[in-house]
Amino acid sequence: MCFRPSAVNIEKKCPECGTVCQPADASCSQCGATLPVAGVAGAPSTPATPGVPKAPSIPVAPGSLQE
């Protein structure tokens, strides 16, 4: 079963004065404060970039001693 909220609220609220701003606004129309970037709640974030893999090890014959 898939859950979908009945409505999605994408309004931005100013962290400084509390004014509700438009989703496309980068700054508050009331006080000029920088608004946080809006994301969809529950959406996964961008996965981290994988690191560089380790170099392969030297193969060793079974039964031989490693030093």
PDB file of N, CA and C in Angstrom:
ATOM      1  N   MET A   1       0.846  -1.165   0.000  1.00  0.00           N
ATOM      2  CA  MET A   1       0.000   0.000   0.000  1.00  0.00           C
ATOM      3  C   MET A   1       0.898   1.235   0.000  1.00  0.00           C
ATOM      4  N   CYS A   2       0.535   2.224  -0.749  1.00  0.00           N
ATOM      5  CA  CYS A   2       1.307   3.451  -0.855  1.00  0.00           C
ATOM      6  C   CYS A   2       0.585   4.572  -0.119  1.00  0.00           C
ATOM      7  N   PHE A   3       1.325   5.324   0.673  1.00  0.00           N
ATOM      8  CA  PHE A   3       0.729   6.435   1.413  1.00  0.00           C
ATOM      9  C   PHE A   3       1.038   7.733   0.700  1.00  0.00           C
ATOM     10  N   ARG A   4       0.020   8.522   0.469  1.00  0.00           N
ATOM     11  CA  ARG A   4       0.178   9.850  -0.101  1.00  0.00           C
ATOM     12  C   ARG A   4      -0.550  10.841   0.784  1.00  0.00           C
ATOM     13  N   PRO A   5       0.114  11.934   1.153  1.00  0.00           N
ATOM     14  CA  PRO A   5      -0.593  12.933   1.947  1.00  0.00           C
ATOM     15  C   PRO A   5      -1.693  13.572   1.110  1.00  0.00           C
ATOM     16  N   SER A   6      -2.756  14.020   1.767  1.00  0.00           N
ATOM     17  CA  SER A   6      -3.884  14.608   1.044  1.00  0.00           C
ATOM     18  C   SER A   6      -3.508  15.943   0.417  1.00  0.00           C
ATOM     19  N   ALA A   7      -2.548  16.646   0.993  1.00  0.00           N
ATOM     20  CA  ALA A   7      -2.090  17.918   0.433  1.00  0.00           C
ATOM     21  C   ALA A   7      -0.616  18.108   0.769  1.00  0.00           C
ATOM     22  N   VAL A   8       0.079  18.777  -0.107  1.00  0.00           N
ATOM     23  CA  VAL A   8       1.488  19.051   0.113  1.00  0.00           C
ATOM     24  C   VAL A   8       1.636  20.556   0.328  1.00  0.00           C
ATOM     25  N   ASN A   9       2.235  20.935   1.440  1.00  0.00           N
ATOM     26  CA  ASN A   9       2.429  22.338   1.765  1.00  0.00           C
ATOM     27  C   ASN A   9       3.866  22.719   1.428  1.00  0.00           C
ATOM     28  N   ILE A  10       4.037  23.605   0.422  1.00  0.00           N
ATOM     29  CA  ILE A  10       5.387  23.990   0.020  1.00  0.00           C
ATOM     30  C   ILE A  10       5.659  25.464   0.304  1.00  0.00           C
ATOM     31  N   GLU A  11       4.870  26.056   1.189  1.00  0.00           N
ATOM     32  CA  GLU A  11       5.113  27.450   1.553  1.00  0.00           C
ATOM     33  C   GLU A  11       6.396  27.551   2.368  1.00  0.00           C
ATOM     34  N   LYS A  12       7.061  28.693   2.244  1.00  0.00           N
ATOM     35  CA  LYS A  12       8.257  28.962   3.045  1.00  0.00           C
ATOM     36  C   LYS A  12       7.868  29.934   4.142  1.00  0.00           C
ATOM     37  N   LYS A  13       8.347  29.679   5.341  1.00  0.00           N
ATOM     38  CA  LYS A  13       8.107  30.572   6.457  1.00  0.00           C
ATOM     39  C   LYS A  13       9.439  31.199   6.847  1.00  0.00           C
ATOM     40  N   CYS A  14       9.435  32.525   6.982  1.00  0.00           N
ATOM     41  CA  CYS A  14      10.654  33.252   7.323  1.00  0.00           C
ATOM     42  C   CYS A  14      11.108  32.878   8.734  1.00  0.00           C
ATOM     43  N   PRO A  15      12.380  32.500   8.898  1.00  0.00           N
ATOM     44  CA  PRO A  15      12.875  32.145  10.231  1.00  0.00           C
ATOM     45  C   PRO A  15      13.025  33.363  11.152  1.00  0.00           C
ATOM     46  N   GLU A  16      13.052  34.566  10.582  1.00  0.00           N
ATOM     47  CA  GLU A  16      13.238  35.781  11.373  1.00  0.00           C
ATOM     48  C   GLU A  16      11.915  36.371  11.860  1.00  0.00           C
ATOM     49  N   CYS A  17      10.979  36.599  10.923  1.00  0.00           N
ATOM     50  CA  CYS A  17       9.745  37.301  11.299  1.00  0.00           C
ATOM     51  C   CYS A  17       8.492  36.434  11.218  1.00  0.00           C
ATOM     52  N   GLY A  18       8.594  35.230  10.619  1.00  0.00           N
ATOM     53  CA  GLY A  18       7.450  34.327  10.565  1.00  0.00           C
ATOM     54  C   GLY A  18       6.511  34.554   9.396  1.00  0.00           C
ATOM     55  N   THR A  19       6.827  35.479   8.498  1.00  0.00           N
ATOM     56  CA  THR A  19       5.986  35.747   7.328  1.00  0.00           C
ATOM     57  C   THR A  19       5.996  34.537   6.407  1.00  0.00           C
ATOM     58  N   VAL A  20       4.825  34.153   5.876  1.00  0.00           N
ATOM     59  CA  VAL A  20       4.726  33.062   4.909  1.00  0.00           C
ATOM     60  C   VAL A  20       5.029  33.641   3.531  1.00  0.00           C
ATOM     61  N   CYS A  21       6.023  33.082   2.853  1.00  0.00           N
ATOM     62  CA  CYS A  21       6.477  33.590   1.557  1.00  0.00           C
ATOM     63  C   CYS A  21       6.191  32.571   0.463  1.00  0.00           C
ATOM     64  N   GLN A  22       6.358  32.984  -0.757  1.00  0.00           N
ATOM     65  CA  GLN A  22       6.154  32.112  -1.912  1.00  0.00           C
ATOM     66  C   GLN A  22       7.304  31.107  -2.026  1.00  0.00           C
ATOM     67  N   PRO A  23       7.042  29.921  -2.582  1.00  0.00           N
ATOM     68  CA  PRO A  23       8.089  28.894  -2.692  1.00  0.00           C
ATOM     69  C   PRO A  23       9.310  29.344  -3.495  1.00  0.00           C
ATOM     70  N   ALA A  24       9.138  30.216  -4.485  1.00  0.00           N
ATOM     71  CA  ALA A  24      10.253  30.648  -5.333  1.00  0.00           C
ATOM     72  C   ALA A  24      11.072  31.768  -4.713  1.00  0.00           C
ATOM     73  N   ASP A  25      10.594  32.375  -3.624  1.00  0.00           N
ATOM     74  CA  ASP A  25      11.307  33.492  -2.996  1.00  0.00           C
ATOM     75  C   ASP A  25      12.603  33.029  -2.345  1.00  0.00           C
ATOM     76  N   ALA A  26      13.669  33.802  -2.541  1.00  0.00           N
ATOM     77  CA  ALA A  26      14.958  33.509  -1.906  1.00  0.00           C
ATOM     78  C   ALA A  26      15.125  34.309  -0.623  1.00  0.00           C
ATOM     79  N   SER A  27      14.389  35.438  -0.539  1.00  0.00           N
ATOM     80  CA  SER A  27      14.458  36.258   0.666  1.00  0.00           C
ATOM     81  C   SER A  27      13.048  36.687   1.061  1.00  0.00           C
ATOM     82  N   CYS A  28      12.886  37.016   2.320  1.00  0.00           N
ATOM     83  CA  CYS A  28      11.591  37.399   2.876  1.00  0.00           C
ATOM     84  C   CYS A  28      11.163  38.752   2.315  1.00  0.00           C
ATOM     85  N   SER A  29       9.902  38.841   1.891  1.00  0.00           N
ATOM     86  CA  SER A  29       9.384  40.097   1.356  1.00  0.00           C
ATOM     87  C   SER A  29       9.125  41.117   2.461  1.00  0.00           C
ATOM     88  N   GLN A  30       9.018  40.664   3.696  1.00  0.00           N
ATOM     89  CA  GLN A  30       8.733  41.555   4.822  1.00  0.00           C
ATOM     90  C   GLN A  30      10.011  42.122   5.452  1.00  0.00           C
ATOM     91  N   CYS A  31      10.958  41.248   5.800  1.00  0.00           N
ATOM     92  CA  CYS A  31      12.157  41.715   6.513  1.00  0.00           C
ATOM     93  C   CYS A  31      13.452  41.564   5.719  1.00  0.00           C
ATOM     94  N   GLY A  32      13.421  40.837   4.586  1.00  0.00           N
ATOM     95  CA  GLY A  32      14.609  40.687   3.754  1.00  0.00           C
ATOM     96  C   GLY A  32      15.544  39.563   4.158  1.00  0.00           C
ATOM     97  N   ALA A  33      15.186  38.776   5.174  1.00  0.00           N
ATOM     98  CA  ALA A  33      16.039  37.673   5.626  1.00  0.00           C
ATOM     99  C   ALA A  33      16.123  36.591   4.553  1.00  0.00           C
ATOM    100  N   THR A  34      17.244  35.887   4.511  1.00  0.00           N
ATOM    101  CA  THR A  34      17.420  34.777   3.575  1.00  0.00           C
ATOM    102  C   THR A  34      16.537  33.616   4.017  1.00  0.00           C
ATOM    103  N   LEU A  35      15.777  33.069   3.058  1.00  0.00           N
ATOM    104  CA  LEU A  35      14.884  31.955   3.362  1.00  0.00           C
ATOM    105  C   LEU A  35      15.588  30.628   3.141  1.00  0.00           C
ATOM    106  N   PRO A  36      15.216  29.615   3.914  1.00  0.00           N
ATOM    107  CA  PRO A  36      15.808  28.288   3.701  1.00  0.00           C
ATOM    108  C   PRO A  36      15.323  27.709   2.374  1.00  0.00           C
ATOM    109  N   VAL A  37      16.124  26.827   1.803  1.00  0.00           N
ATOM    110  CA  VAL A  37      15.753  26.162   0.563  1.00  0.00           C
ATOM    111  C   VAL A  37      14.635  25.182   0.874  1.00  0.00           C
ATOM    112  N   ALA A  38      13.554  25.262   0.117  1.00  0.00           N
ATOM    113  CA  ALA A  38      12.400  24.392   0.359  1.00  0.00           C
ATOM    114  C   ALA A  38      12.628  23.046  -0.311  1.00  0.00           C
ATOM    115  N   GLY A  39      12.306  22.005   0.396  1.00  0.00           N
ATOM    116  CA  GLY A  39      12.360  20.661  -0.149  1.00  0.00           C
ATOM    117  C   GLY A  39      11.050  19.965   0.164  1.00  0.00           C
ATOM    118  N   VAL A  40      10.789  18.879  -0.492  1.00  0.00           N
ATOM    119  CA  VAL A  40       9.574  18.130  -0.225  1.00  0.00           C
ATOM    120  C   VAL A  40       9.813  17.265   0.997  1.00  0.00           C
ATOM    121  N   ALA A  41       8.959  17.375   1.973  1.00  0.00           N
ATOM    122  CA  ALA A  41       9.119  16.599   3.201  1.00  0.00           C
ATOM    123  C   ALA A  41       9.050  15.108   2.889  1.00  0.00           C
ATOM    124  N   GLY A  42       9.985  14.380   3.423  1.00  0.00           N
ATOM    125  CA  GLY A  42       9.997  12.933   3.221  1.00  0.00           C
ATOM    126  C   GLY A  42      10.734  12.497   1.972  1.00  0.00           C
ATOM    127  N   ALA A  43      11.136  13.437   1.129  1.00  0.00           N
ATOM    128  CA  ALA A  43      11.861  13.072  -0.085  1.00  0.00           C
ATOM    129  C   ALA A  43      13.302  12.731   0.284  1.00  0.00           C
ATOM    130  N   PRO A  44      13.879  11.724  -0.354  1.00  0.00           N
ATOM    131  CA  PRO A  44      15.260  11.380  -0.033  1.00  0.00           C
ATOM    132  C   PRO A  44      16.211  12.458  -0.509  1.00  0.00           C
ATOM    133  N   SER A  45      17.289  12.639   0.206  1.00  0.00           N
ATOM    134  CA  SER A  45      18.288  13.621  -0.195  1.00  0.00           C
ATOM    135  C   SER A  45      19.209  13.003  -1.244  1.00  0.00           C
ATOM    136  N   THR A  46      20.068  13.816  -1.811  1.00  0.00           N
ATOM    137  CA  THR A  46      21.020  13.335  -2.797  1.00  0.00           C
ATOM    138  C   THR A  46      22.020  12.417  -2.107  1.00  0.00           C
ATOM    139  N   PRO A  47      22.269  11.244  -2.664  1.00  0.00           N
ATOM    140  CA  PRO A  47      23.215  10.338  -2.013  1.00  0.00           C
ATOM    141  C   PRO A  47      24.631  10.906  -2.036  1.00  0.00           C
ATOM    142  N   ALA A  48      25.408  10.517  -1.069  1.00  0.00           N
ATOM    143  CA  ALA A  48      26.785  10.982  -0.970  1.00  0.00           C
ATOM    144  C   ALA A  48      27.614  10.411  -2.125  1.00  0.00           C
ATOM    145  N   THR A  49      28.619  11.162  -2.539  1.00  0.00           N
ATOM    146  CA  THR A  49      29.505  10.706  -3.595  1.00  0.00           C
ATOM    147  C   THR A  49      30.394   9.595  -3.034  1.00  0.00           C
ATOM    148  N   PRO A  50      30.480   8.476  -3.735  1.00  0.00           N
ATOM    149  CA  PRO A  50      31.306   7.394  -3.206  1.00  0.00           C
ATOM    150  C   PRO A  50      32.778   7.774  -3.236  1.00  0.00           C
ATOM    151  N   GLY A  51      33.523   7.228  -2.303  1.00  0.00           N
ATOM    152  CA  GLY A  51      34.956   7.498  -2.220  1.00  0.00           C
ATOM    153  C   GLY A  51      35.731   6.704  -3.254  1.00  0.00           C
ATOM    154  N   VAL A  52      37.017   6.908  -3.269  1.00  0.00           N
ATOM    155  CA  VAL A  52      37.896   6.187  -4.186  1.00  0.00           C
ATOM    156  C   VAL A  52      38.082   4.777  -3.648  1.00  0.00           C
ATOM    157  N   PRO A  53      37.913   3.756  -4.495  1.00  0.00           N
ATOM    158  CA  PRO A  53      38.098   2.387  -4.009  1.00  0.00           C
ATOM    159  C   PRO A  53      39.558   2.102  -3.701  1.00  0.00           C
ATOM    160  N   LYS A  54      39.781   1.158  -2.783  1.00  0.00           N
ATOM    161  CA  LYS A  54      41.147   0.765  -2.436  1.00  0.00           C
ATOM    162  C   LYS A  54      41.763  -0.026  -3.585  1.00  0.00           C
ATOM    163  N   ALA A  55      43.083   0.039  -3.674  1.00  0.00           N
ATOM    164  CA  ALA A  55      43.793  -0.728  -4.696  1.00  0.00           C
ATOM    165  C   ALA A  55      43.634  -2.215  -4.405  1.00  0.00           C
ATOM    166  N   PRO A  56      43.593  -3.022  -5.445  1.00  0.00           N
ATOM    167  CA  PRO A  56      43.446  -4.462  -5.211  1.00  0.00           C
ATOM    168  C   PRO A  56      44.694  -5.025  -4.538  1.00  0.00           C
ATOM    169  N   SER A  57      44.483  -6.053  -3.737  1.00  0.00           N
ATOM    170  CA  SER A  57      45.616  -6.683  -3.056  1.00  0.00           C
ATOM    171  C   SER A  57      46.292  -7.689  -3.986  1.00  0.00           C
ATOM    172  N   ILE A  58      47.499  -8.089  -3.606  1.00  0.00           N
ATOM    173  CA  ILE A  58      48.247  -9.061  -4.396  1.00  0.00           C
ATOM    174  C   ILE A  58      47.672 -10.447  -4.090  1.00  0.00           C
ATOM    175  N   PRO A  59      47.333 -11.195  -5.138  1.00  0.00           N
ATOM    176  CA  PRO A  59      46.787 -12.529  -4.897  1.00  0.00           C
ATOM    177  C   PRO A  59      47.824 -13.455  -4.260  1.00  0.00           C
ATOM    178  N   VAL A  60      47.355 -14.313  -3.379  1.00  0.00           N
ATOM    179  CA  VAL A  60      48.219 -15.257  -2.681  1.00  0.00           C
ATOM    180  C   VAL A  60      47.695 -16.660  -2.955  1.00  0.00           C
ATOM    181  N   ALA A  61      48.613 -17.570  -3.238  1.00  0.00           N
ATOM    182  CA  ALA A  61      48.222 -18.953  -3.503  1.00  0.00           C
ATOM    183  C   ALA A  61      47.714 -19.578  -2.217  1.00  0.00           C
ATOM    184  N   PRO A  62      46.670 -20.398  -2.296  1.00  0.00           N
ATOM    185  CA  PRO A  62      46.157 -21.058  -1.101  1.00  0.00           C
ATOM    186  C   PRO A  62      47.233 -21.938  -0.460  1.00  0.00           C
ATOM    187  N   GLY A  63      47.338 -21.879   0.849  1.00  0.00           N
ATOM    188  CA  GLY A  63      48.280 -22.694   1.573  1.00  0.00           C
ATOM    189  C   GLY A  63      49.659 -22.067   1.728  1.00  0.00           C
ATOM    190  N   SER A  64      49.938 -20.977   1.034  1.00  0.00           N
ATOM    191  CA  SER A  64      51.245 -20.343   1.172  1.00  0.00           C
ATOM    192  C   SER A  64      51.215 -19.407   2.374  1.00  0.00           C
ATOM    193  N   LEU A  65      52.393 -19.095   2.896  1.00  0.00           N
ATOM    194  CA  LEU A  65      52.494 -18.217   4.060  1.00  0.00           C
ATOM    195  C   LEU A  65      52.574 -16.766   3.620  1.00  0.00           C
ATOM    196  N   GLN A  66      51.866 -15.911   4.293  1.00  0.00           N
ATOM    197  CA  GLN A  66      51.916 -14.477   3.992  1.00  0.00           C
ATOM    198  C   GLN A  66      52.839 -13.809   4.986  1.00  0.00           C
ATOM    199  N   GLU A  67      53.635 -12.872   4.558  1.00  0.00           N
ATOM    200  CA  GLU A  67      54.503 -12.121   5.448  1.00  0.00           C
ATOM    201  C   GLU A  67      54.149 -10.679   5.447  1.00  0.00           C
TER     202      GLU A  67
END
